[in-house]
Amino acid sequence: MANAVAHQVYIGVGSNVGDRKENFFDALARLAKLPDTRILKESSLYESEPLGDSKDWYVNGVIEIETKFKPDMLLDKFKNIERAMGRKKVKKRWGARIIDLDILLYDAQVVKKKKLRIPHPEMANRKFVLVPLSEIAPQVIHPVLGVTISELLINAKDEKKVHLYHS
């Protein structure tokens, strides 16, 4: 991997179980320890209304990393971090979770595989992703929709509440 090119990746990070803020920063510490990976930017923390059956609000944020991992390998690393932090495999979509790491954007690549879709297929519809992402990357262009993250946020139809997190 020594000669591999570094990639710019935006990651959504969220938690709604236990000490949500502690879980968020624990995940960042684990990400920062990945080889050939470094955190470039972190958004503020936001609290967001849950989707689906979950009752507990999330603490969400977005980080920008530089990594030499390919998308599939990065996803595997994220799943390992989630498991190490105690995330259980749940059948229910949008259930409670101790940590959730999502690849939102990977350079300007479009990936359509069974277990991995980049850009994240739901990001354009979710304010809890767009608010922190637009804080650190407002002018980044969505590689499929061809508009900036700021434009996506302005046009988002999501009615769920998202506000700055105050511990």
C-alpha atoms as a PDB file:
ATOM      1  CA  MET A   1       0.000   0.000   0.000  1.00  0.00           C
ATOM      2  CA  ALA A   2       3.057   2.274   0.178  1.00  0.00           C
ATOM      3  CA  ASN A   3       2.562   3.507  -3.387  1.00  0.00           C
ATOM      4  CA  ALA A   4      -1.215   3.753  -3.190  1.00  0.00           C
ATOM      5  CA  VAL A   5      -2.810   7.120  -3.839  1.00  0.00           C
ATOM      6  CA  ALA A   6      -4.529   8.878  -0.934  1.00  0.00           C
ATOM      7  CA  HIS A   7      -8.291   9.279  -1.314  1.00  0.00           C
ATOM      8  CA  GLN A   8     -10.545  11.980   0.095  1.00  0.00           C
ATOM      9  CA  VAL A   9     -13.476  10.404   1.927  1.00  0.00           C
ATOM     10  CA  TYR A  10     -16.394  11.883   3.855  1.00  0.00           C
ATOM     11  CA  ILE A  11     -17.825   9.722   6.623  1.00  0.00           C
ATOM     12  CA  GLY A  12     -21.080  10.043   8.527  1.00  0.00           C
ATOM     13  CA  VAL A  13     -20.743   9.111  12.203  1.00  0.00           C
ATOM     14  CA  GLY A  14     -23.731   8.608  14.496  1.00  0.00           C
ATOM     15  CA  SER A  15     -24.736   7.121  17.843  1.00  0.00           C
ATOM     16  CA  ASN A  16     -27.955   6.939  19.850  1.00  0.00           C
ATOM     17  CA  VAL A  17     -27.088   4.382  22.551  1.00  0.00           C
ATOM     18  CA  GLY A  18     -25.270   5.053  25.831  1.00  0.00           C
ATOM     19  CA  ASP A  19     -22.927   8.036  26.015  1.00  0.00           C
ATOM     20  CA  ARG A  20     -23.472   9.159  22.438  1.00  0.00           C
ATOM     21  CA  LYS A  21     -20.774  11.847  22.462  1.00  0.00           C
ATOM     22  CA  GLU A  22     -18.223   9.446  24.005  1.00  0.00           C
ATOM     23  CA  ASN A  23     -19.125   6.815  21.374  1.00  0.00           C
ATOM     24  CA  PHE A  24     -18.636   9.395  18.616  1.00  0.00           C
ATOM     25  CA  PHE A  25     -15.156  10.368  19.800  1.00  0.00           C
ATOM     26  CA  ASP A  26     -14.201   6.742  20.526  1.00  0.00           C
ATOM     27  CA  ALA A  27     -15.008   5.930  16.883  1.00  0.00           C
ATOM     28  CA  LEU A  28     -12.892   8.873  15.678  1.00  0.00           C
ATOM     29  CA  ALA A  29      -9.961   7.732  17.835  1.00  0.00           C
ATOM     30  CA  ARG A  30     -10.233   4.238  16.313  1.00  0.00           C
ATOM     31  CA  LEU A  31     -10.456   5.650  12.777  1.00  0.00           C
ATOM     32  CA  ALA A  32      -7.382   7.793  13.398  1.00  0.00           C
ATOM     33  CA  LYS A  33      -5.416   4.637  14.280  1.00  0.00           C
ATOM     34  CA  LEU A  34      -6.070   2.993  10.909  1.00  0.00           C
ATOM     35  CA  PRO A  35      -2.849   2.739   8.884  1.00  0.00           C
ATOM     36  CA  ASP A  36      -2.401   5.202   6.019  1.00  0.00           C
ATOM     37  CA  THR A  37      -5.446   7.161   7.218  1.00  0.00           C
ATOM     38  CA  ARG A  38      -5.769  10.556   8.806  1.00  0.00           C
ATOM     39  CA  ILE A  39      -8.654  12.774   9.838  1.00  0.00           C
ATOM     40  CA  LEU A  40      -8.544  16.115   8.025  1.00  0.00           C
ATOM     41  CA  LYS A  41     -11.739  17.830   9.229  1.00  0.00           C
ATOM     42  CA  GLU A  42     -14.500  17.266  11.782  1.00  0.00           C
ATOM     43  CA  SER A  43     -17.906  18.906  11.778  1.00  0.00           C
ATOM     44  CA  SER A  44     -19.609  20.136  14.913  1.00  0.00           C
ATOM     45  CA  LEU A  45     -21.766  17.572  16.686  1.00  0.00           C
ATOM     46  CA  TYR A  46     -25.483  17.648  15.949  1.00  0.00           C
ATOM     47  CA  GLU A  47     -28.423  16.058  17.675  1.00  0.00           C
ATOM     48  CA  SER A  48     -31.016  14.628  15.316  1.00  0.00           C
ATOM     49  CA  GLU A  49     -34.462  13.161  15.580  1.00  0.00           C
ATOM     50  CA  PRO A  50     -34.439   9.384  15.004  1.00  0.00           C
ATOM     51  CA  LEU A  51     -35.770   7.628  11.916  1.00  0.00           C
ATOM     52  CA  GLY A  52     -38.007   4.566  12.110  1.00  0.00           C
ATOM     53  CA  ASP A  53     -38.773   2.834  15.419  1.00  0.00           C
ATOM     54  CA  SER A  54     -35.878   4.215  17.424  1.00  0.00           C
ATOM     55  CA  LYS A  55     -36.912   6.536  20.278  1.00  0.00           C
ATOM     56  CA  ASP A  56     -33.537   7.974  21.217  1.00  0.00           C
ATOM     57  CA  TRP A  57     -32.110  10.986  19.417  1.00  0.00           C
ATOM     58  CA  TYR A  58     -28.799  10.611  17.638  1.00  0.00           C
ATOM     59  CA  VAL A  59     -25.580  12.511  17.977  1.00  0.00           C
ATOM     60  CA  ASN A  60     -24.269  12.884  14.416  1.00  0.00           C
ATOM     61  CA  GLY A  61     -21.347  14.455  12.675  1.00  0.00           C
ATOM     62  CA  VAL A  62     -19.284  14.161   9.535  1.00  0.00           C
ATOM     63  CA  ILE A  63     -15.539  13.842   9.176  1.00  0.00           C
ATOM     64  CA  GLU A  64     -13.248  14.124   6.204  1.00  0.00           C
ATOM     65  CA  ILE A  65     -10.410  11.632   6.045  1.00  0.00           C
ATOM     66  CA  GLU A  66      -7.539  10.929   3.730  1.00  0.00           C
ATOM     67  CA  THR A  67      -6.884   7.221   3.299  1.00  0.00           C
ATOM     68  CA  LYS A  68      -5.114   4.791   1.021  1.00  0.00           C
ATOM     69  CA  PHE A  69      -7.759   2.089   1.565  1.00  0.00           C
ATOM     70  CA  LYS A  70      -9.989   1.178  -1.360  1.00  0.00           C
ATOM     71  CA  PRO A  71     -13.753   1.529  -0.699  1.00  0.00           C
ATOM     72  CA  ASP A  72     -14.398  -2.194   0.023  1.00  0.00           C
ATOM     73  CA  MET A  73     -11.476  -2.424   2.419  1.00  0.00           C
ATOM     74  CA  LEU A  74     -12.505   0.804   4.158  1.00  0.00           C
ATOM     75  CA  LEU A  75     -16.021  -0.582   4.638  1.00  0.00           C
ATOM     76  CA  ASP A  76     -14.513  -3.729   6.222  1.00  0.00           C
ATOM     77  CA  LYS A  77     -12.456  -1.558   8.594  1.00  0.00           C
ATOM     78  CA  PHE A  78     -15.596   0.388   9.566  1.00  0.00           C
ATOM     79  CA  LYS A  79     -17.538  -2.825  10.248  1.00  0.00           C
ATOM     80  CA  ASN A  80     -14.657  -4.028  12.454  1.00  0.00           C
ATOM     81  CA  ILE A  81     -14.702  -0.759  14.437  1.00  0.00           C
ATOM     82  CA  GLU A  82     -18.497  -0.957  14.824  1.00  0.00           C
ATOM     83  CA  ARG A  83     -18.269  -4.556  16.089  1.00  0.00           C
ATOM     84  CA  ALA A  84     -15.362  -3.741  18.427  1.00  0.00           C
ATOM     85  CA  MET A  85     -17.457  -0.942  19.936  1.00  0.00           C
ATOM     86  CA  GLY A  86     -20.326  -3.362  20.587  1.00  0.00           C
ATOM     87  CA  ARG A  87     -22.616  -2.811  17.631  1.00  0.00           C
ATOM     88  CA  LYS A  88     -24.867  -5.804  17.121  1.00  0.00           C
ATOM     89  CA  LYS A  89     -26.188  -7.016  13.796  1.00  0.00           C
ATOM     90  CA  VAL A  90     -29.831  -5.928  13.732  1.00  0.00           C
ATOM     91  CA  LYS A  91     -32.469  -6.928  11.248  1.00  0.00           C
ATOM     92  CA  LYS A  92     -34.417  -3.720  11.702  1.00  0.00           C
ATOM     93  CA  ARG A  93     -33.420  -0.788   9.544  1.00  0.00           C
ATOM     94  CA  TRP A  94     -32.835   2.478  11.401  1.00  0.00           C
ATOM     95  CA  GLY A  95     -32.740   0.773  14.801  1.00  0.00           C
ATOM     96  CA  ALA A  96     -30.815   1.990  17.831  1.00  0.00           C
ATOM     97  CA  ARG A  97     -27.052   1.718  17.439  1.00  0.00           C
ATOM     98  CA  ILE A  98     -24.027   2.377  19.568  1.00  0.00           C
ATOM     99  CA  ILE A  99     -22.109   3.558  16.488  1.00  0.00           C
ATOM    100  CA  ASP A 100     -22.765   3.903  12.797  1.00  0.00           C
ATOM    101  CA  LEU A 101     -20.031   4.681  10.266  1.00  0.00           C
ATOM    102  CA  ASP A 102     -21.156   5.418   6.712  1.00  0.00           C
ATOM    103  CA  ILE A 103     -19.035   6.219   3.673  1.00  0.00           C
ATOM    104  CA  LEU A 104     -20.850   9.225   2.216  1.00  0.00           C
ATOM    105  CA  LEU A 105     -18.448  10.231  -0.556  1.00  0.00           C
ATOM    106  CA  TYR A 106     -15.205   8.668  -1.788  1.00  0.00           C
ATOM    107  CA  ASP A 107     -13.374  11.094  -4.076  1.00  0.00           C
ATOM    108  CA  ALA A 108     -15.884  11.589  -6.917  1.00  0.00           C
ATOM    109  CA  GLN A 109     -16.381   7.845  -7.346  1.00  0.00           C
ATOM    110  CA  VAL A 110     -19.674   6.100  -7.899  1.00  0.00           C
ATOM    111  CA  VAL A 111     -19.775   2.554  -6.493  1.00  0.00           C
ATOM    112  CA  LYS A 112     -22.798   0.291  -6.964  1.00  0.00           C
ATOM    113  CA  LYS A 113     -22.256  -3.056  -5.279  1.00  0.00           C
ATOM    114  CA  LYS A 114     -24.547  -5.242  -3.213  1.00  0.00           C
ATOM    115  CA  LYS A 115     -22.941  -4.277   0.102  1.00  0.00           C
ATOM    116  CA  LEU A 116     -21.609  -0.834  -0.787  1.00  0.00           C
ATOM    117  CA  ARG A 117     -23.121   2.160  -2.540  1.00  0.00           C
ATOM    118  CA  ILE A 118     -21.218   5.408  -2.929  1.00  0.00           C
ATOM    119  CA  PRO A 119     -22.334   8.129  -2.753  1.00  0.00           C
ATOM    120  CA  HIS A 120     -24.490   6.991   0.145  1.00  0.00           C
ATOM    121  CA  PRO A 121     -27.916   6.435  -1.465  1.00  0.00           C
ATOM    122  CA  GLU A 122     -29.884   8.276   1.244  1.00  0.00           C
ATOM    123  CA  MET A 123     -27.558  11.192   1.965  1.00  0.00           C
ATOM    124  CA  ALA A 124     -29.299  13.691  -0.344  1.00  0.00           C
ATOM    125  CA  ASN A 125     -32.527  13.178   1.644  1.00  0.00           C
ATOM    126  CA  ARG A 126     -31.143  13.379   5.173  1.00  0.00           C
ATOM    127  CA  LYS A 127     -30.567  16.656   6.963  1.00  0.00           C
ATOM    128  CA  PHE A 128     -28.653  14.893   9.753  1.00  0.00           C
ATOM    129  CA  VAL A 129     -26.017  14.094   7.091  1.00  0.00           C
ATOM    130  CA  LEU A 130     -26.285  17.250   4.979  1.00  0.00           C
ATOM    131  CA  VAL A 131     -26.075  19.759   7.862  1.00  0.00           C
ATOM    132  CA  PRO A 132     -22.693  18.560   9.195  1.00  0.00           C
ATOM    133  CA  LEU A 133     -21.412  17.728   5.689  1.00  0.00           C
ATOM    134  CA  SER A 134     -22.261  21.217   4.422  1.00  0.00           C
ATOM    135  CA  GLU A 135     -20.415  22.665   7.425  1.00  0.00           C
ATOM    136  CA  ILE A 136     -17.094  21.112   6.331  1.00  0.00           C
ATOM    137  CA  ALA A 137     -17.627  20.593   2.575  1.00  0.00           C
ATOM    138  CA  PRO A 138     -20.287  23.004   1.263  1.00  0.00           C
ATOM    139  CA  GLN A 139     -18.855  23.222  -2.270  1.00  0.00           C
ATOM    140  CA  VAL A 140     -18.197  19.520  -2.813  1.00  0.00           C
ATOM    141  CA  ILE A 141     -20.214  18.241  -5.769  1.00  0.00           C
ATOM    142  CA  HIS A 142     -22.416  15.163  -5.401  1.00  0.00           C
ATOM    143  CA  PRO A 143     -20.984  12.885  -8.147  1.00  0.00           C
ATOM    144  CA  VAL A 144     -24.386  11.601  -9.296  1.00  0.00           C
ATOM    145  CA  LEU A 145     -26.682  14.590  -8.798  1.00  0.00           C
ATOM    146  CA  GLY A 146     -24.121  17.176  -9.969  1.00  0.00           C
ATOM    147  CA  VAL A 147     -24.980  19.787  -7.341  1.00  0.00           C
ATOM    148  CA  THR A 148     -23.122  21.019  -4.266  1.00  0.00           C
ATOM    149  CA  ILE A 149     -23.762  19.732  -0.760  1.00  0.00           C
ATOM    150  CA  SER A 150     -25.053  23.228   0.135  1.00  0.00           C
ATOM    151  CA  GLU A 151     -27.627  23.023  -2.675  1.00  0.00           C
ATOM    152  CA  LEU A 152     -28.713  19.564  -1.509  1.00  0.00           C
ATOM    153  CA  LEU A 153     -29.245  20.920   2.002  1.00  0.00           C
ATOM    154  CA  ILE A 154     -31.245  23.919   0.780  1.00  0.00           C
ATOM    155  CA  ASN A 155     -33.517  21.615  -1.239  1.00  0.00           C
ATOM    156  CA  ALA A 156     -33.791  18.761   1.304  1.00  0.00           C
ATOM    157  CA  LYS A 157     -37.385  17.729   2.006  1.00  0.00           C
ATOM    158  CA  ASP A 158     -36.441  16.037   5.305  1.00  0.00           C
ATOM    159  CA  GLU A 159     -38.700  17.282   8.128  1.00  0.00           C
ATOM    160  CA  LYS A 160     -36.685  15.691  10.958  1.00  0.00           C
ATOM    161  CA  LYS A 161     -35.171  18.091  13.480  1.00  0.00           C
ATOM    162  CA  VAL A 162     -31.390  18.623  13.541  1.00  0.00           C
ATOM    163  CA  HIS A 163     -29.677  21.060  15.904  1.00  0.00           C
ATOM    164  CA  LEU A 164     -26.234  21.696  17.375  1.00  0.00           C
ATOM    165  CA  TYR A 165     -25.512  19.280  20.193  1.00  0.00           C
ATOM    166  CA  HIS A 166     -25.022  20.763  23.651  1.00  0.00           C
ATOM    167  CA  SER A 167     -23.853  18.247  26.248  1.00  0.00           C
END
